[in-house]
Amino acid sequence: MQFLQEQYLFICKNEISSNADLIRLKIEVNQTLEDVGNRQKEIYRDRSIRKRKCKTVEDFKEYQIWNLESANELDGLKAEKKQAKNDIRMINACMSENLYTAFGYVDEMEKLDYGAKDVLPVMYDYQKRDIAEECLRLWRVWIG
């Protein structure tokens, strides 16, 4: 129940109303992850270069000041990366839930047989076509 509540809050917070919104958000979060990773690498590279350039006590003091600032930035980047990974986990969970239940559309006039076992309602052609077209369009945007 707690995970379902987390999913609901995630959906509300990000104003998600369709699978297309989930895919768009996933693309954005993946880009954020890539950007954060690149910035972390850049900081680590700078740290190494600056440390090797230290020849005097003044150089080392300057390096220590810069290192404290970069450590603060790295902490922020790590928190951002952790949040992005959590967002991806939630997006994947929501997408798998949506794809699983997408075949569960029921016509309001259809009589339900509560005694039947393992029977999924039929997804109507217009719903299949709409979902397939939207997924294909987003896939092209994502790889494009």
C-alpha atoms as a PDB file:
ATOM      1  CA  MET A   1       0.000   0.000   0.000  1.00  0.00           C
ATOM      2  CA  GLN A   2       2.868   2.356   0.797  1.00  0.00           C
ATOM      3  CA  PHE A   3       4.410   1.848  -2.648  1.00  0.00           C
ATOM      4  CA  LEU A   4       1.048   2.537  -4.302  1.00  0.00           C
ATOM      5  CA  GLN A   5       0.797   5.733  -2.286  1.00  0.00           C
ATOM      6  CA  GLU A   6       4.313   6.709  -3.403  1.00  0.00           C
ATOM      7  CA  GLN A   7       3.308   6.062  -7.017  1.00  0.00           C
ATOM      8  CA  TYR A   8       0.166   8.173  -6.616  1.00  0.00           C
ATOM      9  CA  LEU A   9       2.079  11.054  -5.042  1.00  0.00           C
ATOM     10  CA  PHE A  10       4.748  10.816  -7.764  1.00  0.00           C
ATOM     11  CA  ILE A  11       2.077  10.968 -10.470  1.00  0.00           C
ATOM     12  CA  CYS A  12       0.381  13.963  -8.827  1.00  0.00           C
ATOM     13  CA  LYS A  13       3.642  15.830  -8.166  1.00  0.00           C
ATOM     14  CA  ASN A  14       4.743  15.475 -11.791  1.00  0.00           C
ATOM     15  CA  GLU A  15       1.249  16.059 -13.241  1.00  0.00           C
ATOM     16  CA  ILE A  16       1.299  12.787 -15.173  1.00  0.00           C
ATOM     17  CA  SER A  17      -1.876  11.934 -17.027  1.00  0.00           C
ATOM     18  CA  SER A  18      -0.730   9.446 -19.677  1.00  0.00           C
ATOM     19  CA  ASN A  19       1.996   7.054 -20.729  1.00  0.00           C
ATOM     20  CA  ALA A  20       3.279   9.813 -23.000  1.00  0.00           C
ATOM     21  CA  ASP A  21       3.897  11.992 -19.942  1.00  0.00           C
ATOM     22  CA  LEU A  22       5.756   9.118 -18.290  1.00  0.00           C
ATOM     23  CA  ILE A  23       7.971   8.621 -21.328  1.00  0.00           C
ATOM     24  CA  ARG A  24       8.699  12.354 -21.592  1.00  0.00           C
ATOM     25  CA  LEU A  25       9.584  12.469 -17.900  1.00  0.00           C
ATOM     26  CA  LYS A  26      11.818   9.412 -18.261  1.00  0.00           C
ATOM     27  CA  ILE A  27      13.710  11.103 -21.097  1.00  0.00           C
ATOM     28  CA  GLU A  28      14.162  14.234 -18.962  1.00  0.00           C
ATOM     29  CA  VAL A  29      15.326  12.256 -15.922  1.00  0.00           C
ATOM     30  CA  ASN A  30      17.780  10.217 -18.002  1.00  0.00           C
ATOM     31  CA  GLN A  31      19.185  13.469 -19.385  1.00  0.00           C
ATOM     32  CA  THR A  32      19.509  14.805 -15.836  1.00  0.00           C
ATOM     33  CA  LEU A  33      21.369  11.651 -14.796  1.00  0.00           C
ATOM     34  CA  GLU A  34      23.744  12.017 -17.728  1.00  0.00           C
ATOM     35  CA  ASP A  35      24.356  15.712 -16.982  1.00  0.00           C
ATOM     36  CA  VAL A  36      24.994  15.040 -13.281  1.00  0.00           C
ATOM     37  CA  GLY A  37      27.378  12.195 -14.110  1.00  0.00           C
ATOM     38  CA  ASN A  38      29.292  14.389 -16.543  1.00  0.00           C
ATOM     39  CA  ARG A  39      29.565  17.196 -13.990  1.00  0.00           C
ATOM     40  CA  GLN A  40      30.807  14.762 -11.329  1.00  0.00           C
ATOM     41  CA  LYS A  41      33.483  13.453 -13.688  1.00  0.00           C
ATOM     42  CA  GLU A  42      34.507  17.012 -14.486  1.00  0.00           C
ATOM     43  CA  ILE A  43      34.875  17.864 -10.781  1.00  0.00           C
ATOM     44  CA  TYR A  44      36.897  14.708 -10.069  1.00  0.00           C
ATOM     45  CA  ARG A  45      39.142  15.453 -13.054  1.00  0.00           C
ATOM     46  CA  ASP A  46      39.643  19.065 -11.902  1.00  0.00           C
ATOM     47  CA  ARG A  47      40.376  17.853  -8.384  1.00  0.00           C
ATOM     48  CA  SER A  48      43.111  15.577  -9.646  1.00  0.00           C
ATOM     49  CA  ILE A  49      44.658  18.253 -11.879  1.00  0.00           C
ATOM     50  CA  ARG A  50      44.586  20.930  -9.192  1.00  0.00           C
ATOM     51  CA  LYS A  51      46.069  18.598  -6.588  1.00  0.00           C
ATOM     52  CA  ARG A  52      48.988  17.723  -8.853  1.00  0.00           C
ATOM     53  CA  LYS A  53      49.645  21.411  -9.519  1.00  0.00           C
ATOM     54  CA  CYS A  54      50.154  22.154  -5.807  1.00  0.00           C
ATOM     55  CA  LYS A  55      53.816  23.053  -5.327  1.00  0.00           C
ATOM     56  CA  THR A  56      53.735  25.586  -2.478  1.00  0.00           C
ATOM     57  CA  VAL A  57      51.820  26.028   0.766  1.00  0.00           C
ATOM     58  CA  GLU A  58      49.764  28.817  -0.833  1.00  0.00           C
ATOM     59  CA  ASP A  59      48.828  26.540  -3.721  1.00  0.00           C
ATOM     60  CA  PHE A  60      47.732  23.878  -1.268  1.00  0.00           C
ATOM     61  CA  LYS A  61      45.618  26.367   0.756  1.00  0.00           C
ATOM     62  CA  GLU A  62      43.959  27.504  -2.449  1.00  0.00           C
ATOM     63  CA  TYR A  63      43.338  23.886  -3.406  1.00  0.00           C
ATOM     64  CA  GLN A  64      41.762  23.151   0.002  1.00  0.00           C
ATOM     65  CA  ILE A  65      39.343  26.069  -0.341  1.00  0.00           C
ATOM     66  CA  TRP A  66      38.374  24.947  -3.824  1.00  0.00           C
ATOM     67  CA  ASN A  67      38.089  21.352  -2.624  1.00  0.00           C
ATOM     68  CA  LEU A  68      35.574  22.329   0.095  1.00  0.00           C
ATOM     69  CA  GLU A  69      33.449  24.160  -2.460  1.00  0.00           C
ATOM     70  CA  SER A  70      33.607  21.255  -4.881  1.00  0.00           C
ATOM     71  CA  ALA A  71      32.750  18.798  -2.080  1.00  0.00           C
ATOM     72  CA  ASN A  72      29.575  20.807  -1.383  1.00  0.00           C
ATOM     73  CA  GLU A  73      28.695  20.752  -5.067  1.00  0.00           C
ATOM     74  CA  LEU A  74      29.368  16.997  -5.219  1.00  0.00           C
ATOM     75  CA  ASP A  75      27.053  16.427  -2.260  1.00  0.00           C
ATOM     76  CA  GLY A  76      24.312  18.300  -4.101  1.00  0.00           C
ATOM     77  CA  LEU A  77      24.977  16.334  -7.276  1.00  0.00           C
ATOM     78  CA  LYS A  78      24.855  13.032  -5.380  1.00  0.00           C
ATOM     79  CA  ALA A  79      21.500  13.990  -3.867  1.00  0.00           C
ATOM     80  CA  GLU A  80      20.212  14.987  -7.311  1.00  0.00           C
ATOM     81  CA  LYS A  81      21.440  11.690  -8.766  1.00  0.00           C
ATOM     82  CA  LYS A  82      19.773   9.717  -5.981  1.00  0.00           C
ATOM     83  CA  GLN A  83      16.477  11.548  -6.603  1.00  0.00           C
ATOM     84  CA  ALA A  84      16.744  10.936 -10.350  1.00  0.00           C
ATOM     85  CA  LYS A  85      17.337   7.216  -9.808  1.00  0.00           C
ATOM     86  CA  ASN A  86      14.332   7.079  -7.505  1.00  0.00           C
ATOM     87  CA  ASP A  87      12.272   8.906 -10.150  1.00  0.00           C
ATOM     88  CA  ILE A  88      13.328   6.356 -12.777  1.00  0.00           C
ATOM     89  CA  ARG A  89      12.334   3.536 -10.432  1.00  0.00           C
ATOM     90  CA  MET A  90       8.907   5.125  -9.970  1.00  0.00           C
ATOM     91  CA  ILE A  91       8.515   5.817 -13.695  1.00  0.00           C
ATOM     92  CA  ASN A  92       9.346   2.203 -14.555  1.00  0.00           C
ATOM     93  CA  ALA A  93       6.895   0.962 -11.925  1.00  0.00           C
ATOM     94  CA  CYS A  94       4.153   3.260 -13.234  1.00  0.00           C
ATOM     95  CA  MET A  95       4.841   2.286 -16.843  1.00  0.00           C
ATOM     96  CA  SER A  96       4.743  -1.424 -16.104  1.00  0.00           C
ATOM     97  CA  GLU A  97       1.538  -0.928 -14.125  1.00  0.00           C
ATOM     98  CA  ASN A  98      -0.020   1.090 -16.965  1.00  0.00           C
ATOM     99  CA  LEU A  99       1.016  -1.442 -19.583  1.00  0.00           C
ATOM    100  CA  TYR A 100      -0.300  -4.288 -17.451  1.00  0.00           C
ATOM    101  CA  THR A 101      -3.657  -2.623 -16.838  1.00  0.00           C
ATOM    102  CA  ALA A 102      -3.955  -1.123 -20.344  1.00  0.00           C
ATOM    103  CA  PHE A 103      -5.549  -4.335 -21.495  1.00  0.00           C
ATOM    104  CA  GLY A 104      -8.067  -4.083 -18.681  1.00  0.00           C
ATOM    105  CA  TYR A 105     -10.266  -1.432 -20.269  1.00  0.00           C
ATOM    106  CA  VAL A 106     -13.851  -2.436 -19.801  1.00  0.00           C
ATOM    107  CA  ASP A 107     -16.777  -1.050 -21.696  1.00  0.00           C
ATOM    108  CA  GLU A 108     -19.220   0.452 -19.211  1.00  0.00           C
ATOM    109  CA  MET A 109     -22.097  -1.494 -20.740  1.00  0.00           C
ATOM    110  CA  GLU A 110     -20.226  -4.813 -20.677  1.00  0.00           C
ATOM    111  CA  LYS A 111     -21.583  -7.242 -18.129  1.00  0.00           C
ATOM    112  CA  LEU A 112     -18.872  -8.498 -15.796  1.00  0.00           C
ATOM    113  CA  ASP A 113     -18.638 -12.147 -14.873  1.00  0.00           C
ATOM    114  CA  TYR A 114     -17.217 -12.141 -11.372  1.00  0.00           C
ATOM    115  CA  GLY A 115     -16.985 -15.929 -11.333  1.00  0.00           C
ATOM    116  CA  ALA A 116     -14.586 -16.129 -14.277  1.00  0.00           C
ATOM    117  CA  LYS A 117     -10.925 -16.784 -13.572  1.00  0.00           C
ATOM    118  CA  ASP A 118      -7.961 -15.269 -15.391  1.00  0.00           C
ATOM    119  CA  VAL A 119     -10.055 -13.499 -18.006  1.00  0.00           C
ATOM    120  CA  LEU A 120      -8.953 -10.093 -19.174  1.00  0.00           C
ATOM    121  CA  PRO A 121     -11.458  -7.807 -20.893  1.00  0.00           C
ATOM    122  CA  VAL A 122     -10.813  -7.224 -24.575  1.00  0.00           C
ATOM    123  CA  MET A 123      -9.038  -4.028 -25.505  1.00  0.00           C
ATOM    124  CA  TYR A 124     -10.873  -2.294 -28.288  1.00  0.00           C
ATOM    125  CA  ASP A 125      -9.119  -1.569 -31.576  1.00  0.00           C
ATOM    126  CA  TYR A 126      -9.299   2.221 -31.256  1.00  0.00           C
ATOM    127  CA  GLN A 127      -7.600   2.023 -27.844  1.00  0.00           C
ATOM    128  CA  LYS A 128      -4.865  -0.249 -29.173  1.00  0.00           C
ATOM    129  CA  ARG A 129      -4.308   2.038 -32.152  1.00  0.00           C
ATOM    130  CA  ASP A 130      -4.134   5.205 -30.000  1.00  0.00           C
ATOM    131  CA  ILE A 131      -1.678   3.651 -27.561  1.00  0.00           C
ATOM    132  CA  ALA A 132       0.465   2.158 -30.335  1.00  0.00           C
ATOM    133  CA  GLU A 133       0.602   5.451 -32.261  1.00  0.00           C
ATOM    134  CA  GLU A 134       1.515   7.467 -29.182  1.00  0.00           C
ATOM    135  CA  CYS A 135       4.226   4.994 -28.135  1.00  0.00           C
ATOM    136  CA  LEU A 136       5.663   4.925 -31.652  1.00  0.00           C
ATOM    137  CA  ARG A 137       5.695   8.737 -31.847  1.00  0.00           C
ATOM    138  CA  LEU A 138       7.437   9.016 -28.493  1.00  0.00           C
ATOM    139  CA  TRP A 139       9.896   6.284 -29.401  1.00  0.00           C
ATOM    140  CA  ARG A 140      10.867   8.250 -32.524  1.00  0.00           C
ATOM    141  CA  VAL A 141      11.331  11.398 -30.425  1.00  0.00           C
ATOM    142  CA  TRP A 142      13.405   9.503 -27.883  1.00  0.00           C
ATOM    143  CA  ILE A 143      15.799   7.902 -30.383  1.00  0.00           C
ATOM    144  CA  GLY A 144      15.707  10.818 -32.794  1.00  0.00           C
END
